[in-house]
Every structure is written in C-alpha cells, then in structure tokens.
C-alpha cells in the first residue's frame, strides 16, 4: 500500500482505508468460531498488520511517515507467534 500513496489525494486515501477494513471482514468472520490459537495463526500475519498500521493518508505521509510503522509488518520467515511476541516486546507506537 505504501507504494500507492504518492498518487493519493485525501478522498482516495480515505477510500483505500475503508476498503482495507472491508477486506478484513471475511477472514475475521471465517475464523470467529475457531479457538484463539487458530485465529492467531490465521490472522496475525495477514489481517492484523494491516489493521494495526497507521491510517492511510494522502501524499504528505511520504514526507512525515511514522518511522515505526514498518515494524508492524511481519518479517520474512516470521510465524504468527514470533510476530506477536516481537510486537509485545517493543511497541511500534509510543
């Protein structure tokens, strides 16, 4: 999503944010009856990083980007539990 921001105005950024939330609903609903461990495995590396990230904003974000936002994304080879442990050890936002 960061690659798309240079061409966004406020309206486009708000629409993108809304669409991300709407796209998160089906995966969340699909695991709501499962155990918490299964929900973590299904959502922690896909849906949660998107929903934890700062709100999508227009072009100005390229100049004033939250330097800690990248820490919310899963790292290569990271499983769900490792991802969550990393987030809990060092909060991305202070």
PDB file of N, CA and C in Angstrom:
ATOM      1  N   UNK A   1       0.817  -1.191   0.000  1.00  0.00           N
ATOM      2  CA  UNK A   1       0.000   0.000   0.000  1.00  0.00           C
ATOM      3  C   UNK A   1       0.865   1.261   0.000  1.00  0.00           C
ATOM      4  N   UNK A   2       2.022   1.207   0.633  1.00  0.00           N
ATOM      5  CA  UNK A   2       2.894   2.382   0.688  1.00  0.00           C
ATOM      6  C   UNK A   2       3.304   2.847  -0.704  1.00  0.00           C
ATOM      7  N   UNK A   3       3.462   1.919  -1.637  1.00  0.00           N
ATOM      8  CA  UNK A   3       3.878   2.274  -2.992  1.00  0.00           C
ATOM      9  C   UNK A   3       2.813   3.091  -3.710  1.00  0.00           C
ATOM     10  N   UNK A   4       1.564   2.941  -3.315  1.00  0.00           N
ATOM     11  CA  UNK A   4       0.464   3.626  -3.988  1.00  0.00           C
ATOM     12  C   UNK A   4       0.221   5.034  -3.469  1.00  0.00           C
ATOM     13  N   UNK A   5       0.768   5.371  -2.326  1.00  0.00           N
ATOM     14  CA  UNK A   5       0.469   6.650  -1.698  1.00  0.00           C
ATOM     15  C   UNK A   5       0.857   7.900  -2.492  1.00  0.00           C
ATOM     16  N   UNK A   6       1.925   7.890  -3.285  1.00  0.00           N
ATOM     17  CA  UNK A   6       2.288   9.134  -3.979  1.00  0.00           C
ATOM     18  C   UNK A   6       1.168   9.722  -4.837  1.00  0.00           C
ATOM     19  N   UNK A   7       0.286   8.918  -5.355  1.00  0.00           N
ATOM     20  CA  UNK A   7      -0.778   9.426  -6.212  1.00  0.00           C
ATOM     21  C   UNK A   7      -2.094   9.660  -5.507  1.00  0.00           C
ATOM     22  N   UNK A   8      -2.130   9.520  -4.192  1.00  0.00           N
ATOM     23  CA  UNK A   8      -3.397   9.626  -3.469  1.00  0.00           C
ATOM     24  C   UNK A   8      -3.682  11.051  -3.005  1.00  0.00           C
ATOM     25  N   UNK A   9      -4.934  11.438  -3.184  1.00  0.00           N
ATOM     26  CA  UNK A   9      -5.396  12.646  -2.509  1.00  0.00           C
ATOM     27  C   UNK A   9      -6.201  12.174  -1.295  1.00  0.00           C
ATOM     28  N   UNK A  10      -6.781  13.079  -0.563  1.00  0.00           N
ATOM     29  CA  UNK A  10      -7.477  12.715   0.678  1.00  0.00           C
ATOM     30  C   UNK A  10      -8.631  11.742   0.437  1.00  0.00           C
ATOM     31  N   UNK A  11      -9.416  11.986  -0.616  1.00  0.00           N
ATOM     32  CA  UNK A  11     -10.559  11.130  -0.906  1.00  0.00           C
ATOM     33  C   UNK A  11     -10.118   9.705  -1.240  1.00  0.00           C
ATOM     34  N   UNK A  12      -9.100   9.580  -2.050  1.00  0.00           N
ATOM     35  CA  UNK A  12      -8.593   8.259  -2.435  1.00  0.00           C
ATOM     36  C   UNK A  12      -8.014   7.543  -1.212  1.00  0.00           C
ATOM     37  N   UNK A  13      -7.301   8.248  -0.365  1.00  0.00           N
ATOM     38  CA  UNK A  13      -6.723   7.652   0.835  1.00  0.00           C
ATOM     39  C   UNK A  13      -7.822   7.144   1.762  1.00  0.00           C
ATOM     40  N   UNK A  14      -8.882   7.928   1.941  1.00  0.00           N
ATOM     41  CA  UNK A  14      -9.994   7.501   2.798  1.00  0.00           C
ATOM     42  C   UNK A  14     -10.691   6.275   2.222  1.00  0.00           C
ATOM     43  N   UNK A  15     -10.862   6.247   0.909  1.00  0.00           N
ATOM     44  CA  UNK A  15     -11.482   5.094   0.246  1.00  0.00           C
ATOM     45  C   UNK A  15     -10.613   3.851   0.402  1.00  0.00           C
ATOM     46  N   UNK A  16      -9.311   3.996   0.263  1.00  0.00           N
ATOM     47  CA  UNK A  16      -8.396   2.862   0.427  1.00  0.00           C
ATOM     48  C   UNK A  16      -8.462   2.314   1.851  1.00  0.00           C
ATOM     49  N   UNK A  17      -8.508   3.199   2.825  1.00  0.00           N
ATOM     50  CA  UNK A  17      -8.602   2.778   4.221  1.00  0.00           C
ATOM     51  C   UNK A  17      -9.898   2.006   4.463  1.00  0.00           C
ATOM     52  N   UNK A  18     -10.992   2.506   3.952  1.00  0.00           N
ATOM     53  CA  UNK A  18     -12.280   1.832   4.090  1.00  0.00           C
ATOM     54  C   UNK A  18     -12.255   0.452   3.435  1.00  0.00           C
ATOM     55  N   UNK A  19     -11.682   0.375   2.246  1.00  0.00           N
ATOM     56  CA  UNK A  19     -11.621  -0.909   1.539  1.00  0.00           C
ATOM     57  C   UNK A  19     -10.785  -1.934   2.301  1.00  0.00           C
ATOM     58  N   UNK A  20      -9.693  -1.498   2.928  1.00  0.00           N
ATOM     59  CA  UNK A  20      -8.880  -2.432   3.714  1.00  0.00           C
ATOM     60  C   UNK A  20      -9.669  -3.008   4.886  1.00  0.00           C
ATOM     61  N   UNK A  21     -10.453  -2.175   5.532  1.00  0.00           N
ATOM     62  CA  UNK A  21     -11.275  -2.654   6.645  1.00  0.00           C
ATOM     63  C   UNK A  21     -12.325  -3.637   6.134  1.00  0.00           C
ATOM     64  N   UNK A  22     -12.976  -3.306   5.032  1.00  0.00           N
ATOM     65  CA  UNK A  22     -13.985  -4.199   4.455  1.00  0.00           C
ATOM     66  C   UNK A  22     -13.356  -5.525   4.029  1.00  0.00           C
ATOM     67  N   UNK A  23     -12.160  -5.477   3.441  1.00  0.00           N
ATOM     68  CA  UNK A  23     -11.485  -6.710   3.027  1.00  0.00           C
ATOM     69  C   UNK A  23     -11.060  -7.566   4.227  1.00  0.00           C
ATOM     70  N   UNK A  24     -10.897  -6.956   5.376  1.00  0.00           N
ATOM     71  CA  UNK A  24     -10.508  -7.707   6.579  1.00  0.00           C
ATOM     72  C   UNK A  24     -11.682  -8.486   7.164  1.00  0.00           C
ATOM     73  N   UNK A  25     -12.894  -8.081   6.884  1.00  0.00           N
ATOM     74  CA  UNK A  25     -14.059  -8.729   7.498  1.00  0.00           C
ATOM     75  C   UNK A  25     -14.207 -10.216   7.166  1.00  0.00           C
ATOM     76  N   UNK A  26     -14.145 -10.638   5.901  1.00  0.00           N
ATOM     77  CA  UNK A  26     -14.326 -12.069   5.611  1.00  0.00           C
ATOM     78  C   UNK A  26     -13.318 -12.980   6.318  1.00  0.00           C
ATOM     79  N   UNK A  27     -12.017 -12.669   6.328  1.00  0.00           N
ATOM     80  CA  UNK A  27     -11.105 -13.559   7.046  1.00  0.00           C
ATOM     81  C   UNK A  27     -11.398 -13.603   8.547  1.00  0.00           C
ATOM     82  N   UNK A  28     -11.767 -12.468   9.115  1.00  0.00           N
ATOM     83  CA  UNK A  28     -12.078 -12.442  10.551  1.00  0.00           C
ATOM     84  C   UNK A  28     -13.328 -13.274  10.828  1.00  0.00           C
ATOM     85  N   UNK A  29     -14.351 -13.095  10.022  1.00  0.00           N
ATOM     86  CA  UNK A  29     -15.584 -13.871  10.207  1.00  0.00           C
ATOM     87  C   UNK A  29     -15.346 -15.364  10.002  1.00  0.00           C
ATOM     88  N   UNK A  30     -14.463 -15.718   9.089  1.00  0.00           N
ATOM     89  CA  UNK A  30     -14.243 -17.133   8.782  1.00  0.00           C
ATOM     90  C   UNK A  30     -13.603 -17.903   9.932  1.00  0.00           C
ATOM     91  N   UNK A  31     -12.980 -17.208  10.865  1.00  0.00           N
ATOM     92  CA  UNK A  31     -12.323 -17.902  11.982  1.00  0.00           C
ATOM     93  C   UNK A  31     -12.944 -17.589  13.334  1.00  0.00           C
ATOM     94  N   UNK A  32     -14.050 -16.855  13.359  1.00  0.00           N
ATOM     95  CA  UNK A  32     -14.614 -16.428  14.634  1.00  0.00           C
ATOM     96  C   UNK A  32     -15.055 -17.591  15.522  1.00  0.00           C
ATOM     97  N   UNK A  33     -15.406 -18.722  14.961  1.00  0.00           N
ATOM     98  CA  UNK A  33     -15.836 -19.866  15.764  1.00  0.00           C
ATOM     99  C   UNK A  33     -14.658 -20.763  16.176  1.00  0.00           C
ATOM    100  N   UNK A  34     -13.474 -20.461  15.700  1.00  0.00           N
ATOM    101  CA  UNK A  34     -12.297 -21.278  15.999  1.00  0.00           C
ATOM    102  C   UNK A  34     -11.656 -20.845  17.308  1.00  0.00           C
ATOM    103  N   UNK A  35     -10.745 -21.654  17.793  1.00  0.00           N
ATOM    104  CA  UNK A  35     -10.035 -21.329  19.031  1.00  0.00           C
ATOM    105  C   UNK A  35      -9.158 -20.093  18.811  1.00  0.00           C
ATOM    106  N   UNK A  36      -8.761 -19.479  19.917  1.00  0.00           N
ATOM    107  CA  UNK A  36      -7.919 -18.282  19.819  1.00  0.00           C
ATOM    108  C   UNK A  36      -6.601 -18.616  19.108  1.00  0.00           C
ATOM    109  N   UNK A  37      -6.027 -19.764  19.393  1.00  0.00           N
ATOM    110  CA  UNK A  37      -4.770 -20.151  18.738  1.00  0.00           C
ATOM    111  C   UNK A  37      -4.951 -20.249  17.222  1.00  0.00           C
ATOM    112  N   UNK A  38      -6.068 -20.814  16.782  1.00  0.00           N
ATOM    113  CA  UNK A  38      -6.325 -20.913  15.343  1.00  0.00           C
ATOM    114  C   UNK A  38      -6.567 -19.533  14.727  1.00  0.00           C
ATOM    115  N   UNK A  39      -7.237 -18.660  15.468  1.00  0.00           N
ATOM    116  CA  UNK A  39      -7.455 -17.301  14.985  1.00  0.00           C
ATOM    117  C   UNK A  39      -6.126 -16.563  14.832  1.00  0.00           C
ATOM    118  N   UNK A  40      -5.246 -16.735  15.811  1.00  0.00           N
ATOM    119  CA  UNK A  40      -3.921 -16.105  15.743  1.00  0.00           C
ATOM    120  C   UNK A  40      -3.171 -16.603  14.522  1.00  0.00           C
ATOM    121  N   UNK A  41      -3.161 -17.919  14.323  1.00  0.00           N
ATOM    122  CA  UNK A  41      -2.452 -18.483  13.172  1.00  0.00           C
ATOM    123  C   UNK A  41      -3.005 -17.963  11.842  1.00  0.00           C
ATOM    124  N   UNK A  42      -4.310 -17.766  11.788  1.00  0.00           N
ATOM    125  CA  UNK A  42      -4.936 -17.342  10.535  1.00  0.00           C
ATOM    126  C   UNK A  42      -4.816 -15.840  10.276  1.00  0.00           C
ATOM    127  N   UNK A  43      -4.786 -15.033  11.324  1.00  0.00           N
ATOM    128  CA  UNK A  43      -4.909 -13.585  11.140  1.00  0.00           C
ATOM    129  C   UNK A  43      -3.666 -12.760  11.483  1.00  0.00           C
ATOM    130  N   UNK A  44      -2.800 -13.279  12.322  1.00  0.00           N
ATOM    131  CA  UNK A  44      -1.704 -12.460  12.856  1.00  0.00           C
ATOM    132  C   UNK A  44      -0.741 -11.945  11.792  1.00  0.00           C
ATOM    133  N   UNK A  45      -0.498 -12.701  10.755  1.00  0.00           N
ATOM    134  CA  UNK A  45       0.481 -12.274   9.742  1.00  0.00           C
ATOM    135  C   UNK A  45      -0.167 -11.648   8.506  1.00  0.00           C
ATOM    136  N   UNK A  46      -1.490 -11.649   8.480  1.00  0.00           N
ATOM    137  CA  UNK A  46      -2.168 -11.121   7.295  1.00  0.00           C
ATOM    138  C   UNK A  46      -3.050  -9.927   7.637  1.00  0.00           C
ATOM    139  N   UNK A  47      -4.085 -10.151   8.403  1.00  0.00           N
ATOM    140  CA  UNK A  47      -5.064  -9.107   8.697  1.00  0.00           C
ATOM    141  C   UNK A  47      -4.555  -8.130   9.754  1.00  0.00           C
ATOM    142  N   UNK A  48      -4.009  -8.618  10.828  1.00  0.00           N
ATOM    143  CA  UNK A  48      -3.621  -7.748  11.940  1.00  0.00           C
ATOM    144  C   UNK A  48      -2.592  -6.685  11.564  1.00  0.00           C
ATOM    145  N   UNK A  49      -1.541  -6.999  10.806  1.00  0.00           N
ATOM    146  CA  UNK A  49      -0.593  -5.934  10.450  1.00  0.00           C
ATOM    147  C   UNK A  49      -1.267  -4.785   9.686  1.00  0.00           C
ATOM    148  N   UNK A  50      -2.202  -5.118   8.851  1.00  0.00           N
ATOM    149  CA  UNK A  50      -2.909  -4.090   8.093  1.00  0.00           C
ATOM    150  C   UNK A  50      -3.762  -3.224   9.007  1.00  0.00           C
ATOM    151  N   UNK A  51      -4.464  -3.869   9.942  1.00  0.00           N
ATOM    152  CA  UNK A  51      -5.340  -3.111  10.826  1.00  0.00           C
ATOM    153  C   UNK A  51      -4.571  -2.364  11.910  1.00  0.00           C
ATOM    154  N   UNK A  52      -3.375  -2.814  12.245  1.00  0.00           N
ATOM    155  CA  UNK A  52      -2.554  -2.127  13.245  1.00  0.00           C
ATOM    156  C   UNK A  52      -1.777  -0.948  12.652  1.00  0.00           C
ATOM    157  N   UNK A  53      -1.603  -0.944  11.360  1.00  0.00           N
ATOM    158  CA  UNK A  53      -0.828   0.111  10.707  1.00  0.00           C
ATOM    159  C   UNK A  53      -1.532   1.455  10.812  1.00  0.00           C
ATOM    160  N   UNK A  54      -0.767   2.543  10.730  1.00  0.00           N
ATOM    161  CA  UNK A  54      -1.385   3.871  10.756  1.00  0.00           C
ATOM    162  C   UNK A  54      -2.382   4.030   9.611  1.00  0.00           C
ATOM    163  N   UNK A  55      -3.347   4.899   9.820  1.00  0.00           N
ATOM    164  CA  UNK A  55      -4.361   5.184   8.809  1.00  0.00           C
ATOM    165  C   UNK A  55      -3.700   5.651   7.517  1.00  0.00           C
ATOM    166  N   UNK A  56      -4.236   5.197   6.409  1.00  0.00           N
ATOM    167  CA  UNK A  56      -3.737   5.634   5.104  1.00  0.00           C
ATOM    168  C   UNK A  56      -4.082   7.103   4.933  1.00  0.00           C
ATOM    169  N   UNK A  57      -3.101   7.881   4.534  1.00  0.00           N
ATOM    170  CA  UNK A  57      -3.308   9.311   4.335  1.00  0.00           C
ATOM    171  C   UNK A  57      -2.799   9.717   2.964  1.00  0.00           C
ATOM    172  N   UNK A  58      -3.084  10.927   2.574  1.00  0.00           N
ATOM    173  CA  UNK A  58      -2.662  11.442   1.273  1.00  0.00           C
ATOM    174  C   UNK A  58      -1.155  11.648   1.221  1.00  0.00           C
ATOM    175  N   UNK A  59      -0.675  12.193   0.117  1.00  0.00           N
ATOM    176  CA  UNK A  59       0.748  12.342  -0.185  1.00  0.00           C
ATOM    177  C   UNK A  59       1.648  12.799   0.963  1.00  0.00           C
ATOM    178  N   UNK A  60       1.183  13.652   1.830  1.00  0.00           N
ATOM    179  CA  UNK A  60       2.026  14.201   2.895  1.00  0.00           C
ATOM    180  C   UNK A  60       2.667  13.100   3.736  1.00  0.00           C
ATOM    181  N   UNK A  61       2.070  11.915   3.756  1.00  0.00           N
ATOM    182  CA  UNK A  61       2.636  10.828   4.553  1.00  0.00           C
ATOM    183  C   UNK A  61       4.030  10.439   4.052  1.00  0.00           C
ATOM    184  N   UNK A  62       4.321  10.702   2.786  1.00  0.00           N
ATOM    185  CA  UNK A  62       5.642  10.385   2.270  1.00  0.00           C
ATOM    186  C   UNK A  62       6.717  11.257   2.905  1.00  0.00           C
ATOM    187  N   UNK A  63       6.342  12.428   3.308  1.00  0.00           N
ATOM    188  CA  UNK A  63       7.283  13.350   3.930  1.00  0.00           C
ATOM    189  C   UNK A  63       7.318  13.160   5.438  1.00  0.00           C
ATOM    190  N   UNK A  64       6.177  12.837   6.056  1.00  0.00           N
ATOM    191  CA  UNK A  64       6.056  12.757   7.504  1.00  0.00           C
ATOM    192  C   UNK A  64       5.668  11.350   7.958  1.00  0.00           C
ATOM    193  N   UNK A  65       6.210  10.354   7.330  1.00  0.00           N
ATOM    194  CA  UNK A  65       5.842   8.970   7.624  1.00  0.00           C
ATOM    195  C   UNK A  65       6.232   8.578   9.045  1.00  0.00           C
ATOM    196  N   UNK A  66       5.371   7.809   9.693  1.00  0.00           N
ATOM    197  CA  UNK A  66       5.660   7.249  11.011  1.00  0.00           C
ATOM    198  C   UNK A  66       6.806   6.255  10.840  1.00  0.00           C
ATOM    199  N   UNK A  67       7.945   6.543  11.418  1.00  0.00           N
ATOM    200  CA  UNK A  67       9.134   5.707  11.233  1.00  0.00           C
ATOM    201  C   UNK A  67       8.972   4.320  11.830  1.00  0.00           C
ATOM    202  N   UNK A  68       8.044   4.150  12.746  1.00  0.00           N
ATOM    203  CA  UNK A  68       7.858   2.854  13.396  1.00  0.00           C
ATOM    204  C   UNK A  68       6.791   1.999  12.715  1.00  0.00           C
ATOM    205  N   UNK A  69       6.098   2.535  11.722  1.00  0.00           N
ATOM    206  CA  UNK A  69       5.020   1.805  11.053  1.00  0.00           C
ATOM    207  C   UNK A  69       5.518   0.522  10.399  1.00  0.00           C
ATOM    208  N   UNK A  70       6.715   0.534   9.847  1.00  0.00           N
ATOM    209  CA  UNK A  70       7.257  -0.653   9.186  1.00  0.00           C
ATOM    210  C   UNK A  70       7.438  -1.816  10.156  1.00  0.00           C
ATOM    211  N   UNK A  71       7.603  -1.522  11.437  1.00  0.00           N
ATOM    212  CA  UNK A  71       7.771  -2.576  12.442  1.00  0.00           C
ATOM    213  C   UNK A  71       6.500  -3.400  12.633  1.00  0.00           C
ATOM    214  N   UNK A  72       5.365  -2.879  12.180  1.00  0.00           N
ATOM    215  CA  UNK A  72       4.097  -3.598  12.326  1.00  0.00           C
ATOM    216  C   UNK A  72       3.933  -4.692  11.283  1.00  0.00           C
ATOM    217  N   UNK A  73       4.745  -4.673  10.253  1.00  0.00           N
ATOM    218  CA  UNK A  73       4.652  -5.686   9.199  1.00  0.00           C
ATOM    219  C   UNK A  73       5.419  -6.938   9.603  1.00  0.00           C
ATOM    220  N   UNK A  74       4.917  -8.127   9.262  1.00  0.00           N
ATOM    221  CA  UNK A  74       5.650  -9.366   9.565  1.00  0.00           C
ATOM    222  C   UNK A  74       6.993  -9.386   8.840  1.00  0.00           C
ATOM    223  N   UNK A  75       7.991  -9.926   9.510  1.00  0.00           N
ATOM    224  CA  UNK A  75       9.306 -10.056   8.901  1.00  0.00           C
ATOM    225  C   UNK A  75       9.394 -11.381   8.162  1.00  0.00           C
ATOM    226  N   UNK A  76      10.294 -11.466   7.212  1.00  0.00           N
ATOM    227  CA  UNK A  76      10.466 -12.676   6.407  1.00  0.00           C
ATOM    228  C   UNK A  76      10.727 -13.877   7.312  1.00  0.00           C
ATOM    229  N   UNK A  77       9.982 -14.946   7.111  1.00  0.00           N
ATOM    230  CA  UNK A  77      10.170 -16.177   7.871  1.00  0.00           C
ATOM    231  C   UNK A  77       9.557 -16.164   9.262  1.00  0.00           C
ATOM    232  N   UNK A  78       8.865 -15.115   9.604  1.00  0.00           N
ATOM    233  CA  UNK A  78       8.294 -14.977  10.945  1.00  0.00           C
ATOM    234  C   UNK A  78       6.938 -15.680  10.997  1.00  0.00           C
ATOM    235  N   UNK A  79       6.741 -16.537  12.013  1.00  0.00           N
ATOM    236  CA  UNK A  79       5.427 -17.157  12.168  1.00  0.00           C
ATOM    237  C   UNK A  79       4.559 -16.266  13.054  1.00  0.00           C
ATOM    238  N   UNK A  80       3.292 -16.632  13.205  1.00  0.00           N
ATOM    239  CA  UNK A  80       2.339 -15.785  13.923  1.00  0.00           C
ATOM    240  C   UNK A  80       2.775 -15.517  15.360  1.00  0.00           C
ATOM    241  N   UNK A  81       3.212 -16.537  16.064  1.00  0.00           N
ATOM    242  CA  UNK A  81       3.597 -16.350  17.468  1.00  0.00           C
ATOM    243  C   UNK A  81       4.836 -15.468  17.614  1.00  0.00           C
ATOM    244  N   UNK A  82       5.818 -15.660  16.754  1.00  0.00           N
ATOM    245  CA  UNK A  82       7.027 -14.843  16.791  1.00  0.00           C
ATOM    246  C   UNK A  82       6.693 -13.389  16.471  1.00  0.00           C
ATOM    247  N   UNK A  83       5.823 -13.201  15.504  1.00  0.00           N
ATOM    248  CA  UNK A  83       5.386 -11.854  15.138  1.00  0.00           C
ATOM    249  C   UNK A  83       4.750 -11.154  16.337  1.00  0.00           C
ATOM    250  N   UNK A  84       3.799 -11.828  16.993  1.00  0.00           N
ATOM    251  CA  UNK A  84       3.120 -11.214  18.130  1.00  0.00           C
ATOM    252  C   UNK A  84       4.063 -10.973  19.301  1.00  0.00           C
ATOM    253  N   UNK A  85       4.973 -11.894  19.553  1.00  0.00           N
ATOM    254  CA  UNK A  85       5.945 -11.701  20.638  1.00  0.00           C
ATOM    255  C   UNK A  85       6.822 -10.486  20.358  1.00  0.00           C
ATOM    256  N   UNK A  86       7.215 -10.307  19.112  1.00  0.00           N
ATOM    257  CA  UNK A  86       8.036  -9.150  18.754  1.00  0.00           C
ATOM    258  C   UNK A  86       7.263  -7.853  18.980  1.00  0.00           C
ATOM    259  N   UNK A  87       5.990  -7.839  18.594  1.00  0.00           N
ATOM    260  CA  UNK A  87       5.189  -6.632  18.798  1.00  0.00           C
ATOM    261  C   UNK A  87       5.003  -6.329  20.276  1.00  0.00           C
ATOM    262  N   UNK A  88       4.807  -7.349  21.085  1.00  0.00           N
ATOM    263  CA  UNK A  88       4.578  -7.135  22.519  1.00  0.00           C
ATOM    264  C   UNK A  88       5.849  -6.687  23.230  1.00  0.00           C
ATOM    265  N   UNK A  89       7.004  -7.150  22.756  1.00  0.00           N
ATOM    266  CA  UNK A  89       8.272  -6.765  23.392  1.00  0.00           C
ATOM    267  C   UNK A  89       8.589  -5.300  23.168  1.00  0.00           C
ATOM    268  N   UNK A  90       8.322  -4.801  21.964  1.00  0.00           N
ATOM    269  CA  UNK A  90       8.725  -3.450  21.601  1.00  0.00           C
ATOM    270  C   UNK A  90       7.555  -2.796  20.849  1.00  0.00           C
ATOM    271  N   UNK A  91       6.747  -2.030  21.549  1.00  0.00           N
ATOM    272  CA  UNK A  91       5.598  -1.405  20.884  1.00  0.00           C
ATOM    273  C   UNK A  91       6.040  -0.538  19.700  1.00  0.00           C
ATOM    274  N   UNK A  92       5.275  -0.605  18.620  1.00  0.00           N
ATOM    275  CA  UNK A  92       5.591   0.174  17.414  1.00  0.00           C
ATOM    276  C   UNK A  92       5.253   1.652  17.624  1.00  0.00           C
ATOM    277  N   UNK A  93       4.273   1.922  18.451  1.00  0.00           N
ATOM    278  CA  UNK A  93       3.898   3.318  18.729  1.00  0.00           C
ATOM    279  C   UNK A  93       4.127   3.581  20.210  1.00  0.00           C
ATOM    280  N   UNK A  94       4.677   4.700  20.509  1.00  0.00           N
ATOM    281  CA  UNK A  94       4.924   5.052  21.918  1.00  0.00           C
ATOM    282  C   UNK A  94       4.133   6.276  22.291  1.00  0.00           C
TER     283      UNK A  94
END
